[in-house]
Amino acid sequence: MKIDIHTHTKKCKSGDAPTREVTPEVFCDTVLSTDVKVIAITNHNVFDLPQFQAIQERIGNGALVWPGIELDVYDGDAKGHLLV
């Protein structure tokens, strides 16, 4: 079983590529065209509940959809990302 726990559907940060902005329809069609059976939507620093629910509904039994967020974390001058 293939799992992808790091996906994006929204352009949330300055510098994000325009291709990060994906409609629920396009996102679901892409997922359903693959062998991925578990996905987590992990946009940067934001969780869009209505979009998540629309994706869950459209994917149906085709894949398990997990909620998530990719947080920016900072330690002095160092920065990184944390998937939750």
PDB file of N, CA and C in Angstrom:
ATOM      1  N   MET A   1       0.843  -1.173   0.000  1.00  0.00           N
ATOM      2  CA  MET A   1       0.000   0.000   0.000  1.00  0.00           C
ATOM      3  C   MET A   1       0.894   1.245   0.000  1.00  0.00           C
ATOM      4  N   LYS A   2       0.576   2.201  -0.848  1.00  0.00           N
ATOM      5  CA  LYS A   2       1.330   3.454  -0.903  1.00  0.00           C
ATOM      6  C   LYS A   2       0.634   4.500  -0.040  1.00  0.00           C
ATOM      7  N   ILE A   3       1.454   5.262   0.682  1.00  0.00           N
ATOM      8  CA  ILE A   3       0.977   6.302   1.593  1.00  0.00           C
ATOM      9  C   ILE A   3       1.743   7.586   1.291  1.00  0.00           C
ATOM     10  N   ASP A   4       1.031   8.717   1.269  1.00  0.00           N
ATOM     11  CA  ASP A   4       1.676  10.019   1.092  1.00  0.00           C
ATOM     12  C   ASP A   4       1.181  10.936   2.203  1.00  0.00           C
ATOM     13  N   ILE A   5       2.037  11.204   3.185  1.00  0.00           N
ATOM     14  CA  ILE A   5       1.621  12.037   4.314  1.00  0.00           C
ATOM     15  C   ILE A   5       2.125  13.478   4.187  1.00  0.00           C
ATOM     16  N   HIS A   6       2.465  13.896   2.969  1.00  0.00           N
ATOM     17  CA  HIS A   6       2.983  15.252   2.761  1.00  0.00           C
ATOM     18  C   HIS A   6       2.459  15.784   1.432  1.00  0.00           C
ATOM     19  N   THR A   7       1.218  16.283   1.441  1.00  0.00           N
ATOM     20  CA  THR A   7       0.625  16.839   0.225  1.00  0.00           C
ATOM     21  C   THR A   7       0.155  18.268   0.493  1.00  0.00           C
ATOM     22  N   HIS A   8       0.076  19.052  -0.563  1.00  0.00           N
ATOM     23  CA  HIS A   8      -0.370  20.439  -0.456  1.00  0.00           C
ATOM     24  C   HIS A   8      -1.501  20.696  -1.443  1.00  0.00           C
ATOM     25  N   THR A   9      -2.449  21.539  -1.016  1.00  0.00           N
ATOM     26  CA  THR A   9      -3.565  21.910  -1.883  1.00  0.00           C
ATOM     27  C   THR A   9      -3.745  23.421  -1.962  1.00  0.00           C
ATOM     28  N   LYS A  10      -2.953  24.150  -1.182  1.00  0.00           N
ATOM     29  CA  LYS A  10      -3.102  25.604  -1.131  1.00  0.00           C
ATOM     30  C   LYS A  10      -1.738  26.288  -1.147  1.00  0.00           C
ATOM     31  N   LYS A  11      -1.707  27.456  -1.759  1.00  0.00           N
ATOM     32  CA  LYS A  11      -0.526  28.323  -1.724  1.00  0.00           C
ATOM     33  C   LYS A  11      -0.669  29.177  -0.468  1.00  0.00           C
ATOM     34  N   CYS A  12       0.041  28.817   0.587  1.00  0.00           N
ATOM     35  CA  CYS A  12      -0.141  29.451   1.899  1.00  0.00           C
ATOM     36  C   CYS A  12       0.987  30.389   2.299  1.00  0.00           C
ATOM     37  N   LYS A  13       2.135  30.273   1.662  1.00  0.00           N
ATOM     38  CA  LYS A  13       3.299  31.068   2.052  1.00  0.00           C
ATOM     39  C   LYS A  13       3.801  31.865   0.860  1.00  0.00           C
ATOM     40  N   SER A  14       4.374  33.013   1.140  1.00  0.00           N
ATOM     41  CA  SER A  14       4.994  33.747   0.042  1.00  0.00           C
ATOM     42  C   SER A  14       6.145  32.904  -0.485  1.00  0.00           C
ATOM     43  N   GLY A  15       6.277  32.880  -1.769  1.00  0.00           N
ATOM     44  CA  GLY A  15       7.315  32.069  -2.388  1.00  0.00           C
ATOM     45  C   GLY A  15       6.843  30.692  -2.818  1.00  0.00           C
ATOM     46  N   ASP A  16       5.651  30.272  -2.355  1.00  0.00           N
ATOM     47  CA  ASP A  16       5.098  28.996  -2.814  1.00  0.00           C
ATOM     48  C   ASP A  16       4.803  29.079  -4.304  1.00  0.00           C
ATOM     49  N   ALA A  17       5.042  27.996  -4.994  1.00  0.00           N
ATOM     50  CA  ALA A  17       4.757  27.947  -6.430  1.00  0.00           C
ATOM     51  C   ALA A  17       3.246  28.019  -6.660  1.00  0.00           C
ATOM     52  N   PRO A  18       2.813  28.656  -7.742  1.00  0.00           N
ATOM     53  CA  PRO A  18       1.380  28.712  -8.052  1.00  0.00           C
ATOM     54  C   PRO A  18       0.754  27.324  -8.203  1.00  0.00           C
ATOM     55  N   THR A  19       1.567  26.327  -8.523  1.00  0.00           N
ATOM     56  CA  THR A  19       1.038  24.969  -8.694  1.00  0.00           C
ATOM     57  C   THR A  19       0.563  24.372  -7.375  1.00  0.00           C
ATOM     58  N   ARG A  20       0.866  24.999  -6.251  1.00  0.00           N
ATOM     59  CA  ARG A  20       0.367  24.524  -4.955  1.00  0.00           C
ATOM     60  C   ARG A  20      -1.138  24.745  -4.833  1.00  0.00           C
ATOM     61  N   GLU A  21      -1.695  25.665  -5.593  1.00  0.00           N
ATOM     62  CA  GLU A  21      -3.125  25.981  -5.522  1.00  0.00           C
ATOM     63  C   GLU A  21      -3.880  24.992  -6.400  1.00  0.00           C
ATOM     64  N   VAL A  22      -4.487  23.988  -5.767  1.00  0.00           N
ATOM     65  CA  VAL A  22      -5.147  22.898  -6.490  1.00  0.00           C
ATOM     66  C   VAL A  22      -6.587  22.791  -6.004  1.00  0.00           C
ATOM     67  N   THR A  23      -7.530  22.677  -6.916  1.00  0.00           N
ATOM     68  CA  THR A  23      -8.928  22.506  -6.515  1.00  0.00           C
ATOM     69  C   THR A  23      -9.125  21.116  -5.920  1.00  0.00           C
ATOM     70  N   PRO A  24     -10.130  20.956  -5.052  1.00  0.00           N
ATOM     71  CA  PRO A  24     -10.421  19.619  -4.526  1.00  0.00           C
ATOM     72  C   PRO A  24     -10.676  18.598  -5.635  1.00  0.00           C
ATOM     73  N   GLU A  25     -11.320  19.023  -6.708  1.00  0.00           N
ATOM     74  CA  GLU A  25     -11.617  18.101  -7.809  1.00  0.00           C
ATOM     75  C   GLU A  25     -10.339  17.583  -8.462  1.00  0.00           C
ATOM     76  N   VAL A  26      -9.432  18.484  -8.780  1.00  0.00           N
ATOM     77  CA  VAL A  26      -8.169  18.087  -9.416  1.00  0.00           C
ATOM     78  C   VAL A  26      -7.336  17.249  -8.450  1.00  0.00           C
ATOM     79  N   PHE A  27      -7.279  17.652  -7.192  1.00  0.00           N
ATOM     80  CA  PHE A  27      -6.519  16.908  -6.190  1.00  0.00           C
ATOM     81  C   PHE A  27      -7.042  15.475  -6.089  1.00  0.00           C
ATOM     82  N   CYS A  28      -8.351  15.325  -5.956  1.00  0.00           N
ATOM     83  CA  CYS A  28      -8.949  13.993  -5.811  1.00  0.00           C
ATOM     84  C   CYS A  28      -8.748  13.151  -7.059  1.00  0.00           C
ATOM     85  N   ASP A  29      -8.961  13.735  -8.213  1.00  0.00           N
ATOM     86  CA  ASP A  29      -8.762  12.987  -9.458  1.00  0.00           C
ATOM     87  C   ASP A  29      -7.319  12.496  -9.566  1.00  0.00           C
ATOM     88  N   THR A  30      -6.376  13.329  -9.152  1.00  0.00           N
ATOM     89  CA  THR A  30      -4.967  12.928  -9.187  1.00  0.00           C
ATOM     90  C   THR A  30      -4.708  11.778  -8.225  1.00  0.00           C
ATOM     91  N   VAL A  31      -5.180  11.897  -6.993  1.00  0.00           N
ATOM     92  CA  VAL A  31      -4.985  10.831  -6.004  1.00  0.00           C
ATOM     93  C   VAL A  31      -5.619   9.531  -6.488  1.00  0.00           C
ATOM     94  N   LEU A  32      -6.841   9.609  -6.978  1.00  0.00           N
ATOM     95  CA  LEU A  32      -7.557   8.403  -7.399  1.00  0.00           C
ATOM     96  C   LEU A  32      -6.943   7.754  -8.637  1.00  0.00           C
ATOM     97  N   SER A  33      -6.108   8.489  -9.363  1.00  0.00           N
ATOM     98  CA  SER A  33      -5.458   7.915 -10.547  1.00  0.00           C
ATOM     99  C   SER A  33      -4.155   7.194 -10.188  1.00  0.00           C
ATOM    100  N   THR A  34      -3.820   7.162  -8.891  1.00  0.00           N
ATOM    101  CA  THR A  34      -2.580   6.531  -8.434  1.00  0.00           C
ATOM    102  C   THR A  34      -2.893   5.318  -7.567  1.00  0.00           C
ATOM    103  N   ASP A  35      -1.831   4.686  -7.071  1.00  0.00           N
ATOM    104  CA  ASP A  35      -1.978   3.560  -6.144  1.00  0.00           C
ATOM    105  C   ASP A  35      -1.942   4.010  -4.686  1.00  0.00           C
ATOM    106  N   VAL A  36      -1.942   5.313  -4.431  1.00  0.00           N
ATOM    107  CA  VAL A  36      -1.895   5.825  -3.062  1.00  0.00           C
ATOM    108  C   VAL A  36      -3.244   5.577  -2.392  1.00  0.00           C
ATOM    109  N   LYS A  37      -3.202   4.968  -1.213  1.00  0.00           N
ATOM    110  CA  LYS A  37      -4.438   4.622  -0.503  1.00  0.00           C
ATOM    111  C   LYS A  37      -4.608   5.375   0.807  1.00  0.00           C
ATOM    112  N   VAL A  38      -3.565   6.088   1.251  1.00  0.00           N
ATOM    113  CA  VAL A  38      -3.650   6.941   2.443  1.00  0.00           C
ATOM    114  C   VAL A  38      -2.926   8.239   2.116  1.00  0.00           C
ATOM    115  N   ILE A  39      -3.604   9.372   2.335  1.00  0.00           N
ATOM    116  CA  ILE A  39      -2.980  10.676   2.109  1.00  0.00           C
ATOM    117  C   ILE A  39      -3.234  11.564   3.322  1.00  0.00           C
ATOM    118  N   ALA A  40      -2.315  12.471   3.559  1.00  0.00           N
ATOM    119  CA  ALA A  40      -2.513  13.517   4.560  1.00  0.00           C
ATOM    120  C   ALA A  40      -2.347  14.854   3.854  1.00  0.00           C
ATOM    121  N   ILE A  41      -3.298  15.738   4.059  1.00  0.00           N
ATOM    122  CA  ILE A  41      -3.213  17.081   3.491  1.00  0.00           C
ATOM    123  C   ILE A  41      -2.487  17.945   4.518  1.00  0.00           C
ATOM    124  N   THR A  42      -1.318  18.449   4.141  1.00  0.00           N
ATOM    125  CA  THR A  42      -0.450  19.154   5.088  1.00  0.00           C
ATOM    126  C   THR A  42      -0.027  20.512   4.537  1.00  0.00           C
ATOM    127  N   ASN A  43      -0.994  21.394   4.365  1.00  0.00           N
ATOM    128  CA  ASN A  43      -0.671  22.744   3.917  1.00  0.00           C
ATOM    129  C   ASN A  43       0.108  23.470   5.008  1.00  0.00           C
ATOM    130  N   HIS A  44       0.830  24.509   4.609  1.00  0.00           N
ATOM    131  CA  HIS A  44       1.684  25.244   5.545  1.00  0.00           C
ATOM    132  C   HIS A  44       0.867  26.130   6.482  1.00  0.00           C
ATOM    133  N   ASN A  45       0.930  25.813   7.776  1.00  0.00           N
ATOM    134  CA  ASN A  45       0.423  26.679   8.846  1.00  0.00           C
ATOM    135  C   ASN A  45      -1.070  26.975   8.783  1.00  0.00           C
ATOM    136  N   VAL A  46      -1.832  26.176   8.059  1.00  0.00           N
ATOM    137  CA  VAL A  46      -3.275  26.414   7.950  1.00  0.00           C
ATOM    138  C   VAL A  46      -3.990  25.085   7.729  1.00  0.00           C
ATOM    139  N   PHE A  47      -5.192  24.985   8.295  1.00  0.00           N
ATOM    140  CA  PHE A  47      -6.040  23.826   8.032  1.00  0.00           C
ATOM    141  C   PHE A  47      -7.388  24.337   7.561  1.00  0.00           C
ATOM    142  N   ASP A  48      -7.802  23.940   6.365  1.00  0.00           N
ATOM    143  CA  ASP A  48      -9.049  24.380   5.746  1.00  0.00           C
ATOM    144  C   ASP A  48     -10.069  23.248   5.883  1.00  0.00           C
ATOM    145  N   LEU A  49     -10.911  23.310   6.923  1.00  0.00           N
ATOM    146  CA  LEU A  49     -11.868  22.236   7.194  1.00  0.00           C
ATOM    147  C   LEU A  49     -12.852  22.023   6.048  1.00  0.00           C
ATOM    148  N   PRO A  50     -13.479  23.071   5.487  1.00  0.00           N
ATOM    149  CA  PRO A  50     -14.400  22.830   4.375  1.00  0.00           C
ATOM    150  C   PRO A  50     -13.719  22.148   3.181  1.00  0.00           C
ATOM    151  N   GLN A  51     -12.488  22.552   2.866  1.00  0.00           N
ATOM    152  CA  GLN A  51     -11.778  21.909   1.759  1.00  0.00           C
ATOM    153  C   GLN A  51     -11.475  20.448   2.095  1.00  0.00           C
ATOM    154  N   PHE A  52     -11.029  20.188   3.323  1.00  0.00           N
ATOM    155  CA  PHE A  52     -10.743  18.823   3.762  1.00  0.00           C
ATOM    156  C   PHE A  52     -11.992  17.953   3.633  1.00  0.00           C
ATOM    157  N   GLN A  53     -13.129  18.459   4.081  1.00  0.00           N
ATOM    158  CA  GLN A  53     -14.375  17.697   4.004  1.00  0.00           C
ATOM    159  C   GLN A  53     -14.781  17.444   2.557  1.00  0.00           C
ATOM    160  N   ALA A  54     -14.589  18.428   1.689  1.00  0.00           N
ATOM    161  CA  ALA A  54     -14.907  18.246   0.265  1.00  0.00           C
ATOM    162  C   ALA A  54     -14.023  17.167  -0.346  1.00  0.00           C
ATOM    163  N   ILE A  55     -12.754  17.151   0.015  1.00  0.00           N
ATOM    164  CA  ILE A  55     -11.829  16.136  -0.502  1.00  0.00           C
ATOM    165  C   ILE A  55     -12.203  14.764   0.026  1.00  0.00           C
ATOM    166  N   GLN A  56     -12.493  14.669   1.318  1.00  0.00           N
ATOM    167  CA  GLN A  56     -12.917  13.387   1.899  1.00  0.00           C
ATOM    168  C   GLN A  56     -14.144  12.839   1.181  1.00  0.00           C
ATOM    169  N   GLU A  57     -15.112  13.701   0.964  1.00  0.00           N
ATOM    170  CA  GLU A  57     -16.359  13.276   0.316  1.00  0.00           C
ATOM    171  C   GLU A  57     -16.107  12.820  -1.117  1.00  0.00           C
ATOM    172  N   ARG A  58     -15.324  13.575  -1.852  1.00  0.00           N
ATOM    173  CA  ARG A  58     -15.082  13.236  -3.260  1.00  0.00           C
ATOM    174  C   ARG A  58     -14.247  11.964  -3.406  1.00  0.00           C
ATOM    175  N   ILE A  59     -13.272  11.758  -2.541  1.00  0.00           N
ATOM    176  CA  ILE A  59     -12.433  10.557  -2.627  1.00  0.00           C
ATOM    177  C   ILE A  59     -13.209   9.325  -2.181  1.00  0.00           C
ATOM    178  N   GLY A  60     -14.126   9.506  -1.237  1.00  0.00           N
ATOM    179  CA  GLY A  60     -14.945   8.381  -0.787  1.00  0.00           C
ATOM    180  C   GLY A  60     -14.098   7.239  -0.259  1.00  0.00           C
ATOM    181  N   ASN A  61     -14.371   6.039  -0.747  1.00  0.00           N
ATOM    182  CA  ASN A  61     -13.629   4.849  -0.326  1.00  0.00           C
ATOM    183  C   ASN A  61     -12.368   4.621  -1.156  1.00  0.00           C
ATOM    184  N   GLY A  62     -12.053   5.550  -2.056  1.00  0.00           N
ATOM    185  CA  GLY A  62     -10.881   5.385  -2.911  1.00  0.00           C
ATOM    186  C   GLY A  62      -9.563   5.513  -2.172  1.00  0.00           C
ATOM    187  N   ALA A  63      -9.566   6.249  -1.053  1.00  0.00           N
ATOM    188  CA  ALA A  63      -8.360   6.429  -0.234  1.00  0.00           C
ATOM    189  C   ALA A  63      -8.781   6.972   1.126  1.00  0.00           C
ATOM    190  N   LEU A  64      -7.949   6.737   2.107  1.00  0.00           N
ATOM    191  CA  LEU A  64      -8.152   7.292   3.439  1.00  0.00           C
ATOM    192  C   LEU A  64      -7.474   8.655   3.475  1.00  0.00           C
ATOM    193  N   VAL A  65      -8.205   9.678   3.932  1.00  0.00           N
ATOM    194  CA  VAL A  65      -7.676  11.045   3.954  1.00  0.00           C
ATOM    195  C   VAL A  65      -7.478  11.480   5.405  1.00  0.00           C
ATOM    196  N   TRP A  66      -6.246  11.836   5.739  1.00  0.00           N
ATOM    197  CA  TRP A  66      -5.925  12.301   7.091  1.00  0.00           C
ATOM    198  C   TRP A  66      -5.778  13.816   7.099  1.00  0.00           C
ATOM    199  N   PRO A  67      -6.228  14.483   8.170  1.00  0.00           N
ATOM    200  CA  PRO A  67      -5.972  15.916   8.313  1.00  0.00           C
ATOM    201  C   PRO A  67      -4.552  16.133   8.823  1.00  0.00           C
ATOM    202  N   GLY A  68      -3.971  17.235   8.446  1.00  0.00           N
ATOM    203  CA  GLY A  68      -2.632  17.552   8.933  1.00  0.00           C
ATOM    204  C   GLY A  68      -2.289  19.003   8.657  1.00  0.00           C
ATOM    205  N   ILE A  69      -1.159  19.419   9.172  1.00  0.00           N
ATOM    206  CA  ILE A  69      -0.618  20.762   8.938  1.00  0.00           C
ATOM    207  C   ILE A  69       0.903  20.639   8.897  1.00  0.00           C
ATOM    208  N   GLU A  70       1.536  21.398   8.023  1.00  0.00           N
ATOM    209  CA  GLU A  70       2.991  21.512   8.035  1.00  0.00           C
ATOM    210  C   GLU A  70       3.338  22.838   8.706  1.00  0.00           C
ATOM    211  N   LEU A  71       3.838  22.748   9.927  1.00  0.00           N
ATOM    212  CA  LEU A  71       4.145  23.943  10.706  1.00  0.00           C
ATOM    213  C   LEU A  71       5.563  24.421  10.445  1.00  0.00           C
ATOM    214  N   ASP A  72       5.721  25.742  10.366  1.00  0.00           N
ATOM    215  CA  ASP A  72       7.052  26.336  10.357  1.00  0.00           C
ATOM    216  C   ASP A  72       7.530  26.373  11.806  1.00  0.00           C
ATOM    217  N   VAL A  73       8.738  25.904  12.054  1.00  0.00           N
ATOM    218  CA  VAL A  73       9.314  25.938  13.400  1.00  0.00           C
ATOM    219  C   VAL A  73      10.648  26.676  13.343  1.00  0.00           C
ATOM    220  N   TYR A  74      10.931  27.419  14.391  1.00  0.00           N
ATOM    221  CA  TYR A  74      12.133  28.247  14.437  1.00  0.00           C
ATOM    222  C   TYR A  74      12.884  28.005  15.739  1.00  0.00           C
ATOM    223  N   ASP A  75      14.208  28.018  15.639  1.00  0.00           N
ATOM    224  CA  ASP A  75      15.096  27.943  16.798  1.00  0.00           C
ATOM    225  C   ASP A  75      16.247  28.894  16.525  1.00  0.00           C
ATOM    226  N   GLY A  76      16.109  30.106  17.015  1.00  0.00           N
ATOM    227  CA  GLY A  76      17.101  31.126  16.693  1.00  0.00           C
ATOM    228  C   GLY A  76      17.077  31.414  15.208  1.00  0.00           C
ATOM    229  N   ASP A  77      18.219  31.260  14.553  1.00  0.00           N
ATOM    230  CA  ASP A  77      18.308  31.493  13.113  1.00  0.00           C
ATOM    231  C   ASP A  77      17.931  30.263  12.299  1.00  0.00           C
ATOM    232  N   ALA A  78      17.811  29.126  12.953  1.00  0.00           N
ATOM    233  CA  ALA A  78      17.474  27.884  12.243  1.00  0.00           C
ATOM    234  C   ALA A  78      15.965  27.768  12.095  1.00  0.00           C
ATOM    235  N   LYS A  79      15.549  27.239  10.961  1.00  0.00           N
ATOM    236  CA  LYS A  79      14.121  26.998  10.781  1.00  0.00           C
ATOM    237  C   LYS A  79      13.925  25.657  10.100  1.00  0.00           C
ATOM    238  N   GLY A  80      12.755  25.124  10.286  1.00  0.00           N
ATOM    239  CA  GLY A  80      12.422  23.841   9.677  1.00  0.00           C
ATOM    240  C   GLY A  80      10.919  23.679   9.611  1.00  0.00           C
ATOM    241  N   HIS A  81      10.493  22.496   9.253  1.00  0.00           N
ATOM    242  CA  HIS A  81       9.072  22.185   9.135  1.00  0.00           C
ATOM    243  C   HIS A  81       8.765  20.951   9.960  1.00  0.00           C
ATOM    244  N   LEU A  82       7.553  20.916  10.496  1.00  0.00           N
ATOM    245  CA  LEU A  82       7.095  19.788  11.295  1.00  0.00           C
ATOM    246  C   LEU A  82       5.717  19.385  10.804  1.00  0.00           C
ATOM    247  N   LEU A  83       5.568  18.127  10.390  1.00  0.00           N
ATOM    248  CA  LEU A  83       4.263  17.622   9.967  1.00  0.00           C
ATOM    249  C   LEU A  83       3.497  17.137  11.186  1.00  0.00           C
ATOM    250  N   VAL A  84       2.287  17.652  11.365  1.00  0.00           N
ATOM    251  CA  VAL A  84       1.423  17.200  12.463  1.00  0.00           C
ATOM    252  C   VAL A  84       0.049  16.853  11.926  1.00  0.00           C
TER     253      VAL A  84
END
